[in-house]
Amino acid sequence: MNYVAERLSVVKPSASMVASQAAKSLAATGVDVIDLGLGEPDFPTPEHISKAAYDAALLGETLYTASTGTLALREAVAEKFRRENGLDYRPEEIAVANGAKQIIFNALLATLNDGDEAILPTPYFVSYPEMVKLLGGVPVTPQCPAEAGFRLTPDVLEGAITPRSKWLFLNAPGNPSGAVYSKAEMQALGEVLAKHPQVLILSDEIYEHIIFDGRDFVSFATACPDLRERSLIVNGVSKSYAMTGWRVGYAAGPATLIKAMGTVQSQSCTSVAAPMQAAAVAALTGPQECVAEFREAFQRRRDLVVAGIAQIDGLELPAPEGAFYAYIGCADLIGRRTPDGNILETDADVSDYLLAEGHVGSVPGSAYGLSPFFRISTATSDKVLREAIDRIARAVAALEPSQETA
């Protein structure tokens, strides 16, 4: 008997988790696999943050909290927005959840009606369209190709908006592309959105501090203050403070939306675990040197991967402007033949081949809505990345030319 709800039939498992599990399954057979499918910092959580959680638990901070988070954490988030983004939010305009993904899920559950559309510029984070579909919405996926810097342009945005549009998602620095928007580029999008008051804006800024080459990060709310009452600014501590497993995300937005998201959370997980919230307070209010140290390491690794991929015939990688991924173009590999005689017809085939032949785990670009690419995480050591690039190079070199170029 099938007990699974029909609504789940349209939803796919997380592609990055699937890719990582495939790598783990191969490794379980004794093969030396480099898994670059999941994106999380390889640094330990800074000690003062871990100690704050430990101390909170010993002090008895182990009970339920308000569904939108402790006042201490919401005040720390408000101060962070003032200090780093020049934004003024009250605690009742801030919500805390178990990671930025749950923030987004709560927001969609609180607002989407059946048939409402969410505009998700491609390439998008793998979970965006699946969340929208699960909650009865319709993903609209305008293409943002490499030639446009993987950025949404005003004309493309205008063409994607319909009377059913409920949300526009922006993600910068972007996963998987690393694309960053300037203030002027955001304001140009804001001019389009000003003409369509039914559209809410979700700005996913989880990679805010992982930005390269001296670029300045600009929050959407900073660039477009006139759209404040329609904007939800999503962030968290996972990426900037090496806290992916702590599961603390937060958002700032209109009080009515935040209250609705709190209602959703009160009927699901109730709240984030109290010691985890204490750790997030320590992250946001404590020493910030680790943030710059992590960013420097991620930029060095970005440079290493860009230089390595540039030496591999058939692959292309524009230098990512932020985040810790490489979204590698593989159009020239499509049609090539593997040593086993199989033709690479899609980027999923390329990703599968790199795992089977090169023993490197990656995620195909089709998971992000834009092909042919594959994504690798650069959030691992320089030594591991060098070995991964060498393996990818050997695997690509082993391919036979396509019949068209033979």
Protein backbone atom coordinates (compact mmCIF):
# COMPACT_ATOMS: atom_id res chain seq x y z
CA MET A 1 0.00 0.00 0.00
CA ASN A 2 1.22 3.49 -0.86
CA TYR A 3 0.96 5.83 2.10
CA VAL A 4 2.71 8.78 0.44
CA ALA A 5 0.59 11.88 -0.13
CA GLU A 6 -0.09 12.91 -3.73
CA ARG A 7 1.40 16.32 -3.09
CA LEU A 8 4.81 14.71 -2.70
CA SER A 9 4.66 13.23 -6.20
CA VAL A 10 5.79 16.52 -7.73
CA VAL A 11 8.71 16.98 -5.35
CA LYS A 12 12.20 15.62 -5.91
CA PRO A 13 14.71 14.89 -3.14
CA SER A 14 17.48 17.45 -2.71
CA ALA A 15 19.83 16.96 -5.68
CA SER A 16 22.90 17.86 -3.65
CA MET A 17 21.96 15.32 -0.99
CA VAL A 18 21.34 12.68 -3.69
CA ALA A 19 24.72 13.41 -5.27
CA SER A 20 26.46 13.29 -1.92
CA GLN A 21 24.78 9.98 -1.07
CA ALA A 22 25.93 8.52 -4.40
CA ALA A 23 29.48 9.53 -3.53
CA LYS A 24 29.15 8.01 -0.07
CA SER A 25 27.76 4.77 -1.50
CA LEU A 26 30.73 4.46 -3.86
CA ALA A 27 33.13 5.24 -1.01
CA ALA A 28 31.49 2.50 1.05
CA THR A 29 32.76 -0.04 -1.51
CA GLY A 30 36.32 0.97 -0.75
CA VAL A 31 36.82 3.55 -3.50
CA ASP A 32 38.67 6.75 -2.56
CA VAL A 33 36.02 9.36 -3.36
CA ILE A 34 36.22 13.14 -3.07
CA ASP A 35 32.69 14.33 -2.34
CA LEU A 36 32.21 17.90 -3.52
CA GLY A 37 28.44 17.60 -3.76
CA LEU A 38 27.49 19.32 -0.51
CA GLY A 39 28.43 22.89 0.35
CA GLU A 40 29.48 23.46 3.92
CA PRO A 41 32.60 25.01 5.44
CA ASP A 42 35.28 22.55 6.52
CA PHE A 43 36.34 24.77 9.42
CA PRO A 44 35.36 23.98 13.00
CA THR A 45 32.82 26.28 14.61
CA PRO A 46 34.75 28.98 16.51
CA GLU A 47 35.29 27.97 20.11
CA HIS A 48 33.53 30.91 21.72
CA ILE A 49 30.34 30.01 19.85
CA SER A 50 30.39 26.38 20.97
CA LYS A 51 31.15 27.46 24.53
CA ALA A 52 28.12 29.77 24.53
CA ALA A 53 25.82 26.84 23.75
CA TYR A 54 27.46 24.70 26.44
CA ASP A 55 27.19 27.45 29.03
CA ALA A 56 23.55 28.10 28.10
CA ALA A 57 22.69 24.44 28.61
CA LEU A 58 24.42 24.36 32.01
CA LEU A 59 22.52 27.49 33.03
CA GLY A 60 19.23 25.77 32.28
CA GLU A 61 18.44 27.39 28.92
CA THR A 62 16.97 24.12 27.70
CA LEU A 63 13.25 24.87 27.55
CA TYR A 64 10.91 26.07 24.81
CA THR A 65 11.42 29.57 23.51
CA ALA A 66 9.08 31.91 21.64
CA SER A 67 8.35 30.44 18.21
CA THR A 68 10.09 33.33 16.44
CA GLY A 69 13.15 33.07 18.67
CA THR A 70 14.46 34.41 21.95
CA LEU A 71 14.39 38.14 22.44
CA ALA A 72 18.16 38.08 22.94
CA LEU A 73 18.71 36.52 19.52
CA ARG A 74 16.20 38.72 17.73
CA GLU A 75 17.87 41.79 19.25
CA ALA A 76 21.26 40.46 18.16
CA VAL A 77 19.93 40.00 14.63
CA ALA A 78 18.49 43.52 14.66
CA GLU A 79 21.85 44.89 15.75
CA LYS A 80 23.58 42.90 13.00
CA PHE A 81 21.29 44.48 10.39
CA ARG A 82 22.00 47.97 11.80
CA ARG A 83 25.74 47.44 12.01
CA GLU A 84 26.39 45.71 8.72
CA ASN A 85 23.54 46.75 6.44
CA GLY A 86 22.29 50.09 7.74
CA LEU A 87 18.82 48.62 8.27
CA ASP A 88 16.53 49.22 11.23
CA TYR A 89 14.28 46.33 12.25
CA ARG A 90 12.38 45.82 15.49
CA PRO A 91 12.43 42.41 17.23
CA GLU A 92 8.84 41.77 16.13
CA GLU A 93 10.02 42.11 12.52
CA ILE A 94 12.52 39.27 12.95
CA ALA A 95 11.99 35.50 12.93
CA VAL A 96 14.39 32.68 13.78
CA ALA A 97 14.05 29.14 12.43
CA ASN A 98 16.01 25.92 12.02
CA GLY A 99 18.16 27.19 9.19
CA ALA A 100 17.48 29.57 6.32
CA LYS A 101 15.70 26.76 4.46
CA GLN A 102 13.05 26.55 7.16
CA ILE A 103 12.69 30.32 7.13
CA ILE A 104 11.88 30.10 3.41
CA PHE A 105 9.55 27.13 3.89
CA ASN A 106 7.68 28.95 6.66
CA ALA A 107 7.33 32.07 4.52
CA LEU A 108 5.94 30.11 1.59
CA LEU A 109 3.57 28.08 3.76
CA ALA A 110 2.30 31.32 5.28
CA THR A 111 1.66 33.03 1.93
CA LEU A 112 1.23 30.68 -1.05
CA ASN A 113 -2.21 29.80 -2.34
CA ASP A 114 -2.72 27.08 -4.93
CA GLY A 115 -1.57 28.32 -8.31
CA ASP A 116 0.43 31.27 -7.00
CA GLU A 117 3.65 31.74 -8.91
CA ALA A 118 7.15 32.16 -7.54
CA ILE A 119 9.76 33.61 -9.89
CA LEU A 120 13.01 31.69 -9.43
CA PRO A 121 15.81 33.00 -11.65
CA THR A 122 17.96 30.15 -12.92
CA PRO A 123 20.35 28.85 -11.86
CA TYR A 124 18.51 28.59 -8.54
CA PHE A 125 19.17 26.84 -5.24
CA VAL A 126 17.87 23.28 -5.62
CA SER A 127 15.27 23.52 -2.85
CA TYR A 128 13.45 26.63 -4.10
CA PRO A 129 11.23 25.03 -6.77
CA GLU A 130 10.58 21.91 -4.70
CA MET A 131 9.34 23.96 -1.75
CA VAL A 132 7.10 26.00 -4.05
CA LYS A 133 5.61 22.89 -5.66
CA LEU A 134 5.11 21.11 -2.34
CA LEU A 135 3.02 24.04 -1.12
CA GLY A 136 0.83 24.27 -4.20
CA GLY A 137 2.70 27.03 -5.98
CA VAL A 138 4.04 27.18 -9.52
CA PRO A 139 7.75 27.82 -10.13
CA VAL A 140 8.47 30.30 -12.93
CA THR A 141 12.11 29.95 -13.97
CA PRO A 142 13.49 32.70 -16.23
CA GLN A 143 16.93 31.86 -17.60
CA CYS A 144 19.93 33.89 -16.45
CA PRO A 145 22.78 32.53 -18.58
CA ALA A 146 26.51 32.85 -18.08
CA GLU A 147 26.55 35.61 -20.70
CA ALA A 148 24.44 37.71 -18.31
CA GLY A 149 26.71 36.87 -15.40
CA PHE A 150 23.98 34.51 -14.10
CA ARG A 151 22.10 37.65 -13.04
CA LEU A 152 18.45 38.53 -13.52
CA THR A 153 17.95 41.58 -15.73
CA PRO A 154 14.99 44.00 -15.63
CA ASP A 155 13.67 42.93 -19.04
CA VAL A 156 13.73 39.25 -18.11
CA LEU A 157 12.05 40.01 -14.79
CA GLU A 158 9.31 42.03 -16.48
CA GLY A 159 8.64 39.16 -18.85
CA ALA A 160 8.29 36.68 -16.00
CA ILE A 161 5.70 38.62 -13.98
CA THR A 162 2.04 37.68 -14.37
CA PRO A 163 -1.12 38.48 -12.36
CA ARG A 164 -0.48 35.24 -10.41
CA SER A 165 3.07 36.22 -9.35
CA LYS A 166 3.38 36.11 -5.55
CA TRP A 167 7.15 35.94 -4.95
CA LEU A 168 10.43 36.83 -6.59
CA PHE A 169 13.45 35.02 -5.16
CA LEU A 170 16.87 36.64 -5.33
CA ASN A 171 19.98 34.86 -4.06
CA ALA A 172 23.22 36.79 -3.91
CA PRO A 173 25.94 35.78 -3.66
CA GLY A 174 24.29 32.98 -5.56
CA ASN A 175 24.29 29.24 -5.11
CA PRO A 176 25.41 27.68 -7.44
CA SER A 177 26.81 30.50 -9.60
CA GLY A 178 28.41 32.86 -7.06
CA ALA A 179 26.81 35.81 -8.85
CA VAL A 180 26.63 39.13 -6.98
CA TYR A 181 24.39 42.11 -7.76
CA SER A 182 25.55 45.71 -7.52
CA LYS A 183 23.36 48.29 -5.84
CA ALA A 184 22.47 49.76 -9.24
CA GLU A 185 21.49 46.33 -10.59
CA MET A 186 19.21 45.71 -7.61
CA GLN A 187 17.65 49.15 -7.96
CA ALA A 188 16.94 48.46 -11.63
CA LEU A 189 15.06 45.32 -10.58
CA GLY A 190 13.33 47.38 -7.90
CA GLU A 191 12.00 49.77 -10.52
CA VAL A 192 10.29 46.87 -12.26
CA LEU A 193 8.91 45.50 -9.00
CA ALA A 194 7.52 48.90 -8.04
CA LYS A 195 5.06 48.54 -10.93
CA HIS A 196 3.79 45.18 -9.63
CA PRO A 197 2.64 45.62 -6.03
CA GLN A 198 1.38 42.03 -5.74
CA VAL A 199 4.93 40.63 -5.89
CA LEU A 200 6.77 39.91 -2.64
CA ILE A 201 10.58 39.74 -2.66
CA LEU A 202 12.60 37.07 -0.87
CA SER A 203 16.27 38.01 -0.79
CA ASP A 204 18.38 35.03 0.28
CA GLU A 205 21.57 36.58 1.63
CA ILE A 206 23.03 33.55 3.41
CA TYR A 207 26.41 33.99 1.63
CA GLU A 208 26.62 37.69 2.48
CA HIS A 209 30.10 37.51 3.97
CA ILE A 210 31.58 35.16 1.38
CA ILE A 211 32.20 37.74 -1.31
CA PHE A 212 35.43 38.20 -3.27
CA ASP A 213 37.81 40.64 -4.92
CA GLY A 214 36.97 43.54 -2.63
CA ARG A 215 33.32 43.70 -3.63
CA ASP A 216 30.89 45.34 -1.25
CA PHE A 217 27.80 43.39 -0.29
CA VAL A 218 24.53 45.28 -0.66
CA SER A 219 21.34 43.91 0.86
CA PHE A 220 18.24 44.17 -1.29
CA ALA A 221 16.53 46.05 1.53
CA THR A 222 19.35 48.60 1.51
CA ALA A 223 19.22 49.04 -2.26
CA CYS A 224 15.40 49.24 -2.44
CA PRO A 225 14.07 50.74 0.81
CA ASP A 226 10.76 51.68 -0.84
CA LEU A 227 10.01 47.94 -1.16
CA ARG A 228 10.65 47.22 2.51
CA GLU A 229 7.03 46.27 3.25
CA ARG A 230 7.17 43.61 0.54
CA SER A 231 10.66 42.27 1.26
CA LEU A 232 11.81 39.35 3.37
CA ILE A 233 15.56 39.35 4.00
CA VAL A 234 16.81 35.84 4.73
CA ASN A 235 20.15 35.06 6.36
CA GLY A 236 21.69 32.82 8.99
CA VAL A 237 24.85 31.76 10.76
CA SER A 238 25.55 28.52 8.87
CA LYS A 239 27.92 29.70 6.17
CA SER A 240 29.67 32.73 7.68
CA TYR A 241 30.45 31.09 11.04
CA ALA A 242 30.92 27.42 10.00
CA MET A 243 27.68 26.43 11.75
CA THR A 244 25.78 24.40 9.16
CA GLY A 245 24.85 21.69 11.65
CA TRP A 246 23.64 24.12 14.32
CA ARG A 247 20.59 24.96 12.17
CA VAL A 248 19.92 28.60 12.94
CA GLY A 249 18.56 30.89 10.25
CA TYR A 250 16.79 34.22 10.55
CA ALA A 251 14.84 36.73 8.55
CA ALA A 252 13.65 40.31 8.74
CA GLY A 253 10.45 41.53 7.15
CA PRO A 254 7.02 43.07 7.67
CA ALA A 255 5.63 42.31 11.13
CA THR A 256 2.46 40.75 9.69
CA LEU A 257 4.47 38.28 7.62
CA ILE A 258 6.82 37.51 10.52
CA LYS A 259 3.82 36.84 12.78
CA ALA A 260 2.33 34.47 10.21
CA MET A 261 5.65 32.64 9.91
CA GLY A 262 5.73 32.35 13.70
CA THR A 263 2.29 30.75 13.62
CA VAL A 264 3.50 28.19 11.10
CA GLN A 265 6.53 27.37 13.22
CA SER A 266 4.51 27.16 16.43
CA GLN A 267 2.53 24.32 14.87
CA SER A 268 5.54 22.44 13.51
CA CYS A 269 8.83 22.44 15.40
CA THR A 270 7.80 25.07 17.99
CA SER A 271 11.19 26.80 18.01
CA VAL A 272 14.92 26.46 17.51
CA ALA A 273 16.65 24.67 20.40
CA ALA A 274 17.53 27.22 23.08
CA PRO A 275 21.28 26.40 23.31
CA MET A 276 21.57 26.76 19.53
CA GLN A 277 20.04 30.22 19.78
CA ALA A 278 22.56 31.15 22.47
CA ALA A 279 25.34 30.04 20.13
CA ALA A 280 23.91 32.25 17.37
CA VAL A 281 23.88 35.23 19.74
CA ALA A 282 27.57 34.61 20.43
CA ALA A 283 28.27 34.37 16.71
CA LEU A 284 26.56 37.66 15.87
CA THR A 285 27.77 39.66 18.87
CA GLY A 286 31.19 38.13 19.54
CA PRO A 287 34.56 38.44 17.77
CA GLN A 288 34.19 38.66 14.00
CA GLU A 289 37.76 37.91 12.94
CA CYS A 290 36.77 34.39 11.90
CA VAL A 291 34.45 35.76 9.21
CA ALA A 292 37.31 37.53 7.41
CA GLU A 293 39.60 34.53 7.87
CA PHE A 294 37.07 32.19 6.34
CA ARG A 295 36.44 34.57 3.44
CA GLU A 296 40.17 34.81 2.66
CA ALA A 297 40.43 31.02 2.61
CA PHE A 298 37.39 30.69 0.35
CA GLN A 299 38.78 33.27 -2.10
CA ARG A 300 42.14 31.46 -2.22
CA ARG A 301 40.33 28.21 -2.95
CA ARG A 302 38.17 29.92 -5.58
CA ASP A 303 41.33 31.11 -7.32
CA LEU A 304 42.87 27.64 -7.14
CA VAL A 305 39.83 26.02 -8.76
CA VAL A 306 39.43 28.69 -11.45
CA ALA A 307 43.09 28.31 -12.44
CA GLY A 308 42.82 24.52 -12.46
CA ILE A 309 39.65 24.33 -14.53
CA ALA A 310 41.14 26.78 -17.05
CA GLN A 311 43.72 24.11 -17.89
CA ILE A 312 41.10 21.47 -18.74
CA ASP A 313 40.00 21.40 -22.37
CA GLY A 314 36.22 21.34 -22.64
CA LEU A 315 35.38 23.03 -19.33
CA GLU A 316 34.62 26.69 -18.61
CA LEU A 317 34.45 28.53 -15.30
CA PRO A 318 33.90 32.29 -15.01
CA ALA A 319 35.39 33.34 -11.67
CA PRO A 320 32.62 33.14 -9.04
CA GLU A 321 32.07 36.49 -7.33
CA GLY A 322 31.05 34.95 -4.00
CA ALA A 323 29.82 31.84 -2.15
CA PHE A 324 31.92 28.67 -2.20
CA TYR A 325 30.97 26.83 -5.35
CA ALA A 326 32.24 26.44 -8.88
CA TYR A 327 29.49 26.21 -11.52
CA ILE A 328 31.46 24.68 -14.34
CA GLY A 329 30.29 24.81 -17.94
CA CYS A 330 30.60 21.47 -19.72
CA ALA A 331 28.88 22.05 -23.08
CA ASP A 332 31.94 20.82 -24.96
CA LEU A 333 31.75 17.46 -23.19
CA ILE A 334 28.24 16.73 -24.39
CA GLY A 335 28.45 14.15 -27.15
CA ARG A 336 31.81 12.78 -26.10
CA ARG A 337 32.25 9.06 -25.52
CA THR A 338 33.44 7.52 -22.25
CA PRO A 339 36.07 4.75 -22.13
CA ASP A 340 33.16 2.32 -21.62
CA GLY A 341 31.55 3.47 -24.85
CA ASN A 342 28.73 5.55 -23.38
CA ILE A 343 27.78 8.91 -24.89
CA LEU A 344 27.54 11.89 -22.52
CA GLU A 345 24.16 13.32 -23.49
CA THR A 346 23.40 15.56 -20.50
CA ASP A 347 25.19 17.28 -17.65
CA ALA A 348 23.76 14.56 -15.38
CA ASP A 349 25.74 12.08 -17.49
CA VAL A 350 28.83 14.24 -17.02
CA SER A 351 28.36 14.31 -13.27
CA ASP A 352 27.81 10.54 -13.15
CA TYR A 353 30.91 9.99 -15.27
CA LEU A 354 33.11 12.18 -13.07
CA LEU A 355 32.04 10.12 -10.06
CA ALA A 356 32.51 6.75 -11.79
CA GLU A 357 35.75 7.55 -13.61
CA GLY A 358 37.30 10.37 -11.60
CA HIS A 359 35.82 9.50 -8.19
CA VAL A 360 34.75 13.11 -7.68
CA GLY A 361 31.21 13.87 -6.50
CA SER A 362 29.41 16.82 -8.11
CA VAL A 363 25.86 18.02 -8.80
CA PRO A 364 24.57 18.39 -12.38
CA GLY A 365 23.43 21.79 -13.55
CA SER A 366 19.98 20.41 -14.40
CA ALA A 367 19.32 20.37 -10.64
CA TYR A 368 19.67 24.17 -10.68
CA GLY A 369 17.56 24.72 -13.79
CA LEU A 370 20.41 25.67 -16.14
CA SER A 371 22.40 23.24 -18.26
CA PRO A 372 24.95 22.08 -19.24
CA PHE A 373 26.96 22.70 -16.07
CA PHE A 374 28.03 20.84 -12.97
CA ARG A 375 28.62 22.27 -9.52
CA ILE A 376 31.39 21.42 -7.11
CA SER A 377 31.83 22.84 -3.63
CA THR A 378 35.10 24.65 -2.98
CA ALA A 379 34.57 24.54 0.80
CA THR A 380 37.32 22.04 1.47
CA SER A 381 41.08 22.10 1.82
CA ASP A 382 43.48 23.30 -0.88
CA LYS A 383 45.05 19.82 -0.97
CA VAL A 384 41.73 18.10 -1.57
CA LEU A 385 40.72 20.62 -4.24
CA ARG A 386 44.01 20.15 -6.11
CA GLU A 387 43.51 16.39 -6.12
CA ALA A 388 39.89 16.80 -7.24
CA ILE A 389 40.92 19.04 -10.16
CA ASP A 390 43.60 16.54 -11.17
CA ARG A 391 41.04 13.73 -11.14
CA ILE A 392 38.55 15.75 -13.18
CA ALA A 393 41.31 16.58 -15.68
CA ARG A 394 42.26 12.92 -16.08
CA ALA A 395 38.63 11.87 -16.47
CA VAL A 396 37.99 14.52 -19.14
CA ALA A 397 41.20 13.59 -20.97
CA ALA A 398 40.01 9.98 -21.14
CA LEU A 399 36.92 10.95 -23.14
CA GLU A 400 36.84 10.34 -26.89
CA PRO A 401 35.76 13.21 -29.17
CA SER A 402 32.16 13.41 -30.29
CA GLN A 403 31.41 12.09 -33.78
CA GLU A 404 30.83 15.65 -35.00
CA THR A 405 34.38 16.70 -34.07
CA ALA A 406 36.16 13.39 -34.62
